[in-house]
Amino acid sequence: MHDIESRFQLINLYDEIRIKKNKSRNNSIKTTLGNSLDDKNNIVFSAIEALQNYTNIDIFCEIFIKKNIPVSGGMGGGSSNAAAALVGINNLYSLNLSPLELMKIGKKLGADVPFFLFGKNAIALGIGDNLSSKPSINKKFLVLCPNVKTSTKKMFLKWDQVNQNELRNNMNPDENSFLTLFLDENKAIKKAFNEINKITPLKLSGTGSTLFYAYNELNEIEKTLKKIPTKWRHFFCEPLQCSPLLTYIK
């Protein structure tokens, strides 16, 4: 595990999860993306096992996830799914676990999971479980998603291999520490990034591959939209004050 310092901002781009008890006494995880994220390939499967181990209660669920958040894009899609599963199953099975207990379970699944259980915009320190709430950013977001999946584990291994002090000295203090590493790993994205960055100062989300720009009015990004490569997905997103998941956390 690595100590981190991250700014988390909730936006209105989300996956949809349906959870029900499974009479066949096994756990089934299916998504709109097929086998690559089904069953044991999905962090939600680990979330179920973690709940079983913590409570010593048999839990058997049939879960379907409609994926809208880009996979392996540094936007916390898997972590938010795991958080939602913990909360949903806690309610479905009347486990009566407190928010603190859910966060204790969640931090073992991944550094971003506690934030999604916290449910408010925050600064995260430590291994992601030291959270302090922050006001929402008021600007809108243009979210750019290159057709690339990034391994968080791989990026942290690369971080461990480089001269971190030299890397920090050569970048803006407000810049994502992984931006240079990510662009060096993805030359085609770097070329497009440099072109767009002349017009719009892009930021990297997480360890990549998602890039974003915060703006006030649509006319600010008209030129940027014309520069987006055709294979990239893009979203127009609004900031959220808090997560809809808080509705289900007691």
C-alpha atoms as a PDB file:
ATOM      1  CA  MET A   1       0.000   0.000   0.000  1.00  0.00           C
ATOM      2  CA  HIS A   2       1.099   3.582  -0.679  1.00  0.00           C
ATOM      3  CA  ASP A   3       0.330   6.771   1.199  1.00  0.00           C
ATOM      4  CA  ILE A   4      -1.656   9.083  -1.038  1.00  0.00           C
ATOM      5  CA  GLU A   5      -2.948  12.633  -1.121  1.00  0.00           C
ATOM      6  CA  SER A   6      -5.953  12.862  -3.425  1.00  0.00           C
ATOM      7  CA  ARG A   7      -8.742  15.321  -4.098  1.00  0.00           C
ATOM      8  CA  PHE A   8     -12.022  13.492  -4.754  1.00  0.00           C
ATOM      9  CA  GLN A   9     -14.891  15.196  -6.561  1.00  0.00           C
ATOM     10  CA  LEU A  10     -18.222  13.473  -7.173  1.00  0.00           C
ATOM     11  CA  ILE A  11     -19.825  13.879 -10.605  1.00  0.00           C
ATOM     12  CA  ASN A  12     -23.055  12.683 -12.212  1.00  0.00           C
ATOM     13  CA  LEU A  13     -21.490   9.842 -14.195  1.00  0.00           C
ATOM     14  CA  TYR A  14     -22.397   6.566 -12.537  1.00  0.00           C
ATOM     15  CA  ASP A  15     -22.983   2.841 -12.983  1.00  0.00           C
ATOM     16  CA  GLU A  16     -26.306   1.206 -12.142  1.00  0.00           C
ATOM     17  CA  ILE A  17     -26.383  -1.843  -9.869  1.00  0.00           C
ATOM     18  CA  ARG A  18     -29.222  -4.289  -9.195  1.00  0.00           C
ATOM     19  CA  ILE A  19     -28.791  -6.646  -6.228  1.00  0.00           C
ATOM     20  CA  LYS A  20     -31.078  -9.501  -5.186  1.00  0.00           C
ATOM     21  CA  LYS A  21     -30.742 -12.634  -3.110  1.00  0.00           C
ATOM     22  CA  ASN A  22     -29.785 -15.726  -5.066  1.00  0.00           C
ATOM     23  CA  LYS A  23     -31.794 -18.854  -4.212  1.00  0.00           C
ATOM     24  CA  SER A  24     -29.195 -21.097  -5.863  1.00  0.00           C
ATOM     25  CA  ARG A  25     -26.760 -20.305  -3.020  1.00  0.00           C
ATOM     26  CA  ASN A  26     -23.928 -18.934  -5.089  1.00  0.00           C
ATOM     27  CA  ASN A  27     -22.783 -15.476  -6.070  1.00  0.00           C
ATOM     28  CA  SER A  28     -23.250 -14.240  -9.611  1.00  0.00           C
ATOM     29  CA  ILE A  29     -21.868 -10.934 -10.903  1.00  0.00           C
ATOM     30  CA  LYS A  30     -22.790  -9.915 -14.461  1.00  0.00           C
ATOM     31  CA  THR A  31     -22.128  -6.659 -16.293  1.00  0.00           C
ATOM     32  CA  THR A  32     -22.956  -5.099 -19.630  1.00  0.00           C
ATOM     33  CA  LEU A  33     -19.297  -5.629 -20.621  1.00  0.00           C
ATOM     34  CA  GLY A  34     -19.391  -9.413 -20.591  1.00  0.00           C
ATOM     35  CA  ASN A  35     -16.988 -12.031 -19.241  1.00  0.00           C
ATOM     36  CA  SER A  36     -14.049  -9.701 -18.617  1.00  0.00           C
ATOM     37  CA  LEU A  37     -15.778  -8.242 -15.537  1.00  0.00           C
ATOM     38  CA  ASP A  38     -18.068 -11.100 -14.533  1.00  0.00           C
ATOM     39  CA  ASP A  39     -18.050 -13.070 -11.277  1.00  0.00           C
ATOM     40  CA  LYS A  40     -14.578 -13.428  -9.690  1.00  0.00           C
ATOM     41  CA  ASN A  41     -13.116 -10.932 -12.159  1.00  0.00           C
ATOM     42  CA  ASN A  42     -15.162  -8.209 -10.478  1.00  0.00           C
ATOM     43  CA  ILE A  43     -14.211  -6.395  -7.256  1.00  0.00           C
ATOM     44  CA  VAL A  44     -17.859  -6.752  -6.174  1.00  0.00           C
ATOM     45  CA  PHE A  45     -17.250 -10.491  -5.770  1.00  0.00           C
ATOM     46  CA  SER A  46     -14.462  -9.653  -3.313  1.00  0.00           C
ATOM     47  CA  ALA A  47     -16.812  -7.254  -1.521  1.00  0.00           C
ATOM     48  CA  ILE A  48     -19.314 -10.079  -0.947  1.00  0.00           C
ATOM     49  CA  GLU A  49     -16.584 -12.369   0.378  1.00  0.00           C
ATOM     50  CA  ALA A  50     -15.353  -9.603   2.688  1.00  0.00           C
ATOM     51  CA  LEU A  51     -18.863  -9.178   4.125  1.00  0.00           C
ATOM     52  CA  GLN A  52     -19.194 -12.924   4.638  1.00  0.00           C
ATOM     53  CA  ASN A  53     -15.853 -13.087   6.458  1.00  0.00           C
ATOM     54  CA  TYR A  54     -16.698 -10.092   8.647  1.00  0.00           C
ATOM     55  CA  THR A  55     -20.205 -11.209   9.622  1.00  0.00           C
ATOM     56  CA  ASN A  56     -19.880 -15.036   9.427  1.00  0.00           C
ATOM     57  CA  ILE A  57     -23.221 -14.982   7.590  1.00  0.00           C
ATOM     58  CA  ASP A  58     -23.877 -16.823   4.323  1.00  0.00           C
ATOM     59  CA  ILE A  59     -24.494 -14.218   1.623  1.00  0.00           C
ATOM     60  CA  PHE A  60     -25.601 -15.259  -1.847  1.00  0.00           C
ATOM     61  CA  CYS A  61     -26.425 -12.559  -4.357  1.00  0.00           C
ATOM     62  CA  GLU A  62     -27.261 -12.156  -7.996  1.00  0.00           C
ATOM     63  CA  ILE A  63     -25.863  -8.800  -9.106  1.00  0.00           C
ATOM     64  CA  PHE A  64     -26.124  -7.010 -12.429  1.00  0.00           C
ATOM     65  CA  ILE A  65     -24.082  -3.895 -13.194  1.00  0.00           C
ATOM     66  CA  LYS A  66     -24.820  -1.526 -16.047  1.00  0.00           C
ATOM     67  CA  LYS A  67     -21.391  -0.007 -16.703  1.00  0.00           C
ATOM     68  CA  ASN A  68     -21.254   3.637 -17.704  1.00  0.00           C
ATOM     69  CA  ILE A  69     -18.019   4.655 -15.978  1.00  0.00           C
ATOM     70  CA  PRO A  70     -14.989   3.796 -18.171  1.00  0.00           C
ATOM     71  CA  VAL A  71     -13.203   0.663 -16.966  1.00  0.00           C
ATOM     72  CA  SER A  72      -9.591   1.058 -15.754  1.00  0.00           C
ATOM     73  CA  GLY A  73      -9.837   4.771 -16.423  1.00  0.00           C
ATOM     74  CA  GLY A  74      -8.880   6.177 -13.033  1.00  0.00           C
ATOM     75  CA  MET A  75     -12.417   7.278 -12.181  1.00  0.00           C
ATOM     76  CA  GLY A  76     -13.148   4.862  -9.362  1.00  0.00           C
ATOM     77  CA  GLY A  77     -15.716   2.789 -11.246  1.00  0.00           C
ATOM     78  CA  GLY A  78     -14.796  -0.500  -9.608  1.00  0.00           C
ATOM     79  CA  SER A  79     -14.372   1.084  -6.189  1.00  0.00           C
ATOM     80  CA  SER A  80     -17.761   2.787  -6.372  1.00  0.00           C
ATOM     81  CA  ASN A  81     -19.334  -0.530  -7.397  1.00  0.00           C
ATOM     82  CA  ALA A  82     -17.724  -2.245  -4.404  1.00  0.00           C
ATOM     83  CA  ALA A  83     -18.981   0.494  -2.069  1.00  0.00           C
ATOM     84  CA  ALA A  84     -22.482   0.253  -3.506  1.00  0.00           C
ATOM     85  CA  ALA A  85     -22.454  -3.532  -3.089  1.00  0.00           C
ATOM     86  CA  LEU A  86     -21.397  -3.242   0.572  1.00  0.00           C
ATOM     87  CA  VAL A  87     -24.192  -0.778   1.271  1.00  0.00           C
ATOM     88  CA  GLY A  88     -26.807  -2.627  -0.787  1.00  0.00           C
ATOM     89  CA  ILE A  89     -26.110  -6.033   0.748  1.00  0.00           C
ATOM     90  CA  ASN A  90     -25.969  -4.522   4.237  1.00  0.00           C
ATOM     91  CA  ASN A  91     -29.551  -3.349   3.683  1.00  0.00           C
ATOM     92  CA  LEU A  92     -30.776  -6.400   1.771  1.00  0.00           C
ATOM     93  CA  TYR A  93     -29.596  -8.830   4.457  1.00  0.00           C
ATOM     94  CA  SER A  94     -30.317  -6.487   7.415  1.00  0.00           C
ATOM     95  CA  LEU A  95     -26.725  -6.874   8.601  1.00  0.00           C
ATOM     96  CA  ASN A  96     -26.983  -3.584  10.536  1.00  0.00           C
ATOM     97  CA  LEU A  97     -23.329  -2.723   9.967  1.00  0.00           C
ATOM     98  CA  SER A  98     -22.437   0.864  10.824  1.00  0.00           C
ATOM     99  CA  PRO A  99     -20.817   3.249   8.304  1.00  0.00           C
ATOM    100  CA  LEU A 100     -17.528   2.870  10.190  1.00  0.00           C
ATOM    101  CA  GLU A 101     -17.705  -0.914   9.921  1.00  0.00           C
ATOM    102  CA  LEU A 102     -18.423  -0.682   6.190  1.00  0.00           C
ATOM    103  CA  MET A 103     -15.426   1.614   5.750  1.00  0.00           C
ATOM    104  CA  LYS A 104     -13.242  -0.811   7.725  1.00  0.00           C
ATOM    105  CA  ILE A 105     -14.248  -3.574   5.302  1.00  0.00           C
ATOM    106  CA  GLY A 106     -14.007  -1.299   2.278  1.00  0.00           C
ATOM    107  CA  LYS A 107     -10.444  -0.081   2.807  1.00  0.00           C
ATOM    108  CA  LYS A 108      -9.196  -3.666   2.487  1.00  0.00           C
ATOM    109  CA  LEU A 109     -10.745  -3.825  -0.989  1.00  0.00           C
ATOM    110  CA  GLY A 110      -9.102  -0.682  -2.356  1.00  0.00           C
ATOM    111  CA  ALA A 111      -7.889   2.805  -1.462  1.00  0.00           C
ATOM    112  CA  ASP A 112     -10.852   4.537  -3.157  1.00  0.00           C
ATOM    113  CA  VAL A 113     -13.625   2.454  -1.585  1.00  0.00           C
ATOM    114  CA  PRO A 114     -13.726   4.374   1.750  1.00  0.00           C
ATOM    115  CA  PHE A 115     -14.299   7.644  -0.145  1.00  0.00           C
ATOM    116  CA  PHE A 116     -17.392   6.289  -1.903  1.00  0.00           C
ATOM    117  CA  LEU A 117     -18.732   5.111   1.465  1.00  0.00           C
ATOM    118  CA  PHE A 118     -17.918   8.541   2.929  1.00  0.00           C
ATOM    119  CA  GLY A 119     -20.105   9.951   0.155  1.00  0.00           C
ATOM    120  CA  LYS A 120     -18.920  13.576   0.242  1.00  0.00           C
ATOM    121  CA  ASN A 121     -16.284  15.473  -1.721  1.00  0.00           C
ATOM    122  CA  ALA A 122     -13.044  15.074   0.154  1.00  0.00           C
ATOM    123  CA  ILE A 123      -9.299  15.161   0.514  1.00  0.00           C
ATOM    124  CA  ALA A 124      -7.965  11.653   1.161  1.00  0.00           C
ATOM    125  CA  LEU A 125      -4.688  10.969   2.971  1.00  0.00           C
ATOM    126  CA  GLY A 126      -2.926   7.838   4.190  1.00  0.00           C
ATOM    127  CA  ILE A 127      -4.101   4.746   2.338  1.00  0.00           C
ATOM    128  CA  GLY A 128      -7.319   6.514   1.363  1.00  0.00           C
ATOM    129  CA  ASP A 129      -9.162   6.139   4.660  1.00  0.00           C
ATOM    130  CA  ASN A 130      -8.165   9.470   6.245  1.00  0.00           C
ATOM    131  CA  LEU A 131     -10.906  11.638   4.752  1.00  0.00           C
ATOM    132  CA  SER A 132     -11.844  15.266   5.329  1.00  0.00           C
ATOM    133  CA  SER A 133     -14.812  16.794   3.527  1.00  0.00           C
ATOM    134  CA  LYS A 134     -14.296  19.626   1.038  1.00  0.00           C
ATOM    135  CA  PRO A 135     -16.785  21.914  -0.746  1.00  0.00           C
ATOM    136  CA  SER A 136     -17.821  20.815  -4.206  1.00  0.00           C
ATOM    137  CA  ILE A 137     -16.149  22.361  -7.234  1.00  0.00           C
ATOM    138  CA  ASN A 138     -18.739  24.585  -8.897  1.00  0.00           C
ATOM    139  CA  LYS A 139     -17.527  24.169 -12.462  1.00  0.00           C
ATOM    140  CA  LYS A 140     -18.737  21.631 -15.014  1.00  0.00           C
ATOM    141  CA  PHE A 141     -16.450  18.937 -16.388  1.00  0.00           C
ATOM    142  CA  LEU A 142     -15.470  17.792 -19.848  1.00  0.00           C
ATOM    143  CA  VAL A 143     -14.325  14.200 -19.326  1.00  0.00           C
ATOM    144  CA  LEU A 144     -12.172  12.607 -22.041  1.00  0.00           C
ATOM    145  CA  CYS A 145     -11.691   8.847 -22.158  1.00  0.00           C
ATOM    146  CA  PRO A 146      -9.001   7.476 -24.489  1.00  0.00           C
ATOM    147  CA  ASN A 147      -9.521   3.911 -25.622  1.00  0.00           C
ATOM    148  CA  VAL A 148      -6.887   2.663 -23.156  1.00  0.00           C
ATOM    149  CA  LYS A 149      -7.106   0.698 -19.904  1.00  0.00           C
ATOM    150  CA  THR A 150      -4.603   1.599 -17.213  1.00  0.00           C
ATOM    151  CA  SER A 151      -3.473  -0.728 -14.448  1.00  0.00           C
ATOM    152  CA  THR A 152      -3.253   1.149 -11.143  1.00  0.00           C
ATOM    153  CA  LYS A 153      -0.923  -1.541  -9.786  1.00  0.00           C
ATOM    154  CA  LYS A 154       1.403  -1.182 -12.784  1.00  0.00           C
ATOM    155  CA  MET A 155       1.486   2.608 -12.461  1.00  0.00           C
ATOM    156  CA  PHE A 156       2.388   2.429  -8.768  1.00  0.00           C
ATOM    157  CA  LEU A 157       5.160  -0.060  -9.570  1.00  0.00           C
ATOM    158  CA  LYS A 158       6.523   2.421 -12.113  1.00  0.00           C
ATOM    159  CA  TRP A 159       6.244   5.180  -9.513  1.00  0.00           C
ATOM    160  CA  ASP A 160       8.411   3.092  -7.182  1.00  0.00           C
ATOM    161  CA  GLN A 161      11.045   2.694  -9.919  1.00  0.00           C
ATOM    162  CA  VAL A 162      11.525   6.375 -10.836  1.00  0.00           C
ATOM    163  CA  ASN A 163      13.332   9.200  -9.063  1.00  0.00           C
ATOM    164  CA  GLN A 164      10.269  10.638  -7.347  1.00  0.00           C
ATOM    165  CA  ASN A 165      11.959  13.809  -6.100  1.00  0.00           C
ATOM    166  CA  GLU A 166      13.193  14.621  -9.610  1.00  0.00           C
ATOM    167  CA  LEU A 167       9.723  13.934 -11.019  1.00  0.00           C
ATOM    168  CA  ARG A 168       8.074  16.243  -8.460  1.00  0.00           C
ATOM    169  CA  ASN A 169      10.621  19.009  -9.087  1.00  0.00           C
ATOM    170  CA  ASN A 170       9.803  19.006 -12.802  1.00  0.00           C
ATOM    171  CA  MET A 171       6.043  19.340 -12.477  1.00  0.00           C
ATOM    172  CA  ASN A 172       3.477  21.847 -11.311  1.00  0.00           C
ATOM    173  CA  PRO A 173       2.700  21.367  -7.578  1.00  0.00           C
ATOM    174  CA  ASP A 174      -1.017  21.033  -8.429  1.00  0.00           C
ATOM    175  CA  GLU A 175      -0.393  18.456 -11.136  1.00  0.00           C
ATOM    176  CA  ASN A 176      -1.276  14.788 -10.811  1.00  0.00           C
ATOM    177  CA  SER A 177       1.930  12.927  -9.888  1.00  0.00           C
ATOM    178  CA  PHE A 178       1.170  10.228 -12.453  1.00  0.00           C
ATOM    179  CA  LEU A 179       0.659  12.500 -15.472  1.00  0.00           C
ATOM    180  CA  THR A 180       4.228  12.322 -16.801  1.00  0.00           C
ATOM    181  CA  LEU A 181       4.446   8.566 -16.211  1.00  0.00           C
ATOM    182  CA  PHE A 182       1.111   7.990 -17.907  1.00  0.00           C
ATOM    183  CA  LEU A 183       1.942  10.065 -20.983  1.00  0.00           C
ATOM    184  CA  ASP A 184       5.352   8.420 -21.347  1.00  0.00           C
ATOM    185  CA  GLU A 185       3.592   5.038 -21.324  1.00  0.00           C
ATOM    186  CA  ASN A 186       1.063   6.114 -23.978  1.00  0.00           C
ATOM    187  CA  LYS A 187       2.750   8.009 -26.808  1.00  0.00           C
ATOM    188  CA  ALA A 188      -0.375   8.324 -28.981  1.00  0.00           C
ATOM    189  CA  ILE A 189      -2.319   9.820 -26.080  1.00  0.00           C
ATOM    190  CA  LYS A 190       0.622  12.119 -25.314  1.00  0.00           C
ATOM    191  CA  LYS A 191       0.496  13.543 -28.839  1.00  0.00           C
ATOM    192  CA  ALA A 192      -3.243  14.278 -28.595  1.00  0.00           C
ATOM    193  CA  PHE A 193      -2.828  15.582 -25.048  1.00  0.00           C
ATOM    194  CA  ASN A 194      -0.170  18.072 -26.128  1.00  0.00           C
ATOM    195  CA  GLU A 195      -2.383  19.346 -28.944  1.00  0.00           C
ATOM    196  CA  ILE A 196      -5.448  19.776 -26.742  1.00  0.00           C
ATOM    197  CA  ASN A 197      -3.411  21.163 -23.867  1.00  0.00           C
ATOM    198  CA  LYS A 198      -2.432  24.160 -26.020  1.00  0.00           C
ATOM    199  CA  ILE A 199      -6.105  25.174 -25.935  1.00  0.00           C
ATOM    200  CA  THR A 200      -7.354  23.636 -22.716  1.00  0.00           C
ATOM    201  CA  PRO A 201      -5.211  22.695 -19.673  1.00  0.00           C
ATOM    202  CA  LEU A 202      -6.152  19.065 -19.117  1.00  0.00           C
ATOM    203  CA  LYS A 203      -5.845  17.158 -15.836  1.00  0.00           C
ATOM    204  CA  LEU A 204      -5.372  13.421 -15.288  1.00  0.00           C
ATOM    205  CA  SER A 205      -7.817  11.484 -13.135  1.00  0.00           C
ATOM    206  CA  GLY A 206      -6.237   8.922 -10.809  1.00  0.00           C
ATOM    207  CA  THR A 207      -3.498   6.937 -12.533  1.00  0.00           C
ATOM    208  CA  GLY A 208      -5.226   7.390 -15.908  1.00  0.00           C
ATOM    209  CA  SER A 209      -6.388   7.047 -18.558  1.00  0.00           C
ATOM    210  CA  THR A 210      -9.214   9.588 -18.098  1.00  0.00           C
ATOM    211  CA  LEU A 211      -8.439  13.264 -18.685  1.00  0.00           C
ATOM    212  CA  PHE A 212     -10.692  16.164 -17.739  1.00  0.00           C
ATOM    213  CA  TYR A 213     -11.137  19.917 -17.849  1.00  0.00           C
ATOM    214  CA  ALA A 214     -13.255  22.053 -15.527  1.00  0.00           C
ATOM    215  CA  TYR A 215     -15.153  24.848 -17.296  1.00  0.00           C
ATOM    216  CA  ASN A 216     -17.945  27.359 -16.737  1.00  0.00           C
ATOM    217  CA  GLU A 217     -19.594  27.822 -20.136  1.00  0.00           C
ATOM    218  CA  LEU A 218     -19.852  25.537 -23.158  1.00  0.00           C
ATOM    219  CA  ASN A 219     -18.271  28.108 -25.457  1.00  0.00           C
ATOM    220  CA  GLU A 220     -15.012  27.697 -23.492  1.00  0.00           C
ATOM    221  CA  ILE A 221     -14.539  24.190 -24.896  1.00  0.00           C
ATOM    222  CA  GLU A 222     -15.786  24.580 -28.490  1.00  0.00           C
ATOM    223  CA  LYS A 223     -12.261  24.435 -29.941  1.00  0.00           C
ATOM    224  CA  THR A 224     -11.325  21.584 -27.608  1.00  0.00           C
ATOM    225  CA  LEU A 225     -14.224  19.422 -28.808  1.00  0.00           C
ATOM    226  CA  LYS A 226     -12.914  19.661 -32.374  1.00  0.00           C
ATOM    227  CA  LYS A 227      -9.521  18.308 -31.269  1.00  0.00           C
ATOM    228  CA  ILE A 228     -10.770  15.169 -29.514  1.00  0.00           C
ATOM    229  CA  PRO A 229      -9.623  12.014 -31.394  1.00  0.00           C
ATOM    230  CA  THR A 230     -12.555  10.137 -32.931  1.00  0.00           C
ATOM    231  CA  LYS A 231     -11.845   6.943 -30.931  1.00  0.00           C
ATOM    232  CA  TRP A 232     -12.033   8.751 -27.596  1.00  0.00           C
ATOM    233  CA  ARG A 233     -15.287   8.874 -25.621  1.00  0.00           C
ATOM    234  CA  HIS A 234     -16.254  12.107 -23.962  1.00  0.00           C
ATOM    235  CA  PHE A 235     -18.835  13.151 -21.378  1.00  0.00           C
ATOM    236  CA  PHE A 236     -20.262  16.449 -20.164  1.00  0.00           C
ATOM    237  CA  CYS A 237     -20.576  16.080 -16.400  1.00  0.00           C
ATOM    238  CA  GLU A 238     -21.965  18.106 -13.516  1.00  0.00           C
ATOM    239  CA  PRO A 239     -20.492  18.193  -9.993  1.00  0.00           C
ATOM    240  CA  LEU A 240     -22.415  16.631  -7.096  1.00  0.00           C
ATOM    241  CA  GLN A 241     -22.489  17.843  -3.490  1.00  0.00           C
ATOM    242  CA  CYS A 242     -22.832  14.305  -2.133  1.00  0.00           C
ATOM    243  CA  SER A 243     -23.298  10.734  -3.318  1.00  0.00           C
ATOM    244  CA  PRO A 244     -26.786   9.251  -3.863  1.00  0.00           C
ATOM    245  CA  LEU A 245     -25.400   6.243  -1.963  1.00  0.00           C
ATOM    246  CA  LEU A 246     -25.779   8.198   1.295  1.00  0.00           C
ATOM    247  CA  THR A 247     -29.548   7.653   0.998  1.00  0.00           C
ATOM    248  CA  TYR A 248     -28.959   3.994   1.833  1.00  0.00           C
ATOM    249  CA  ILE A 249     -26.334   4.417   4.562  1.00  0.00           C
ATOM    250  CA  LYS A 250     -27.893   4.382   8.013  1.00  0.00           C
END
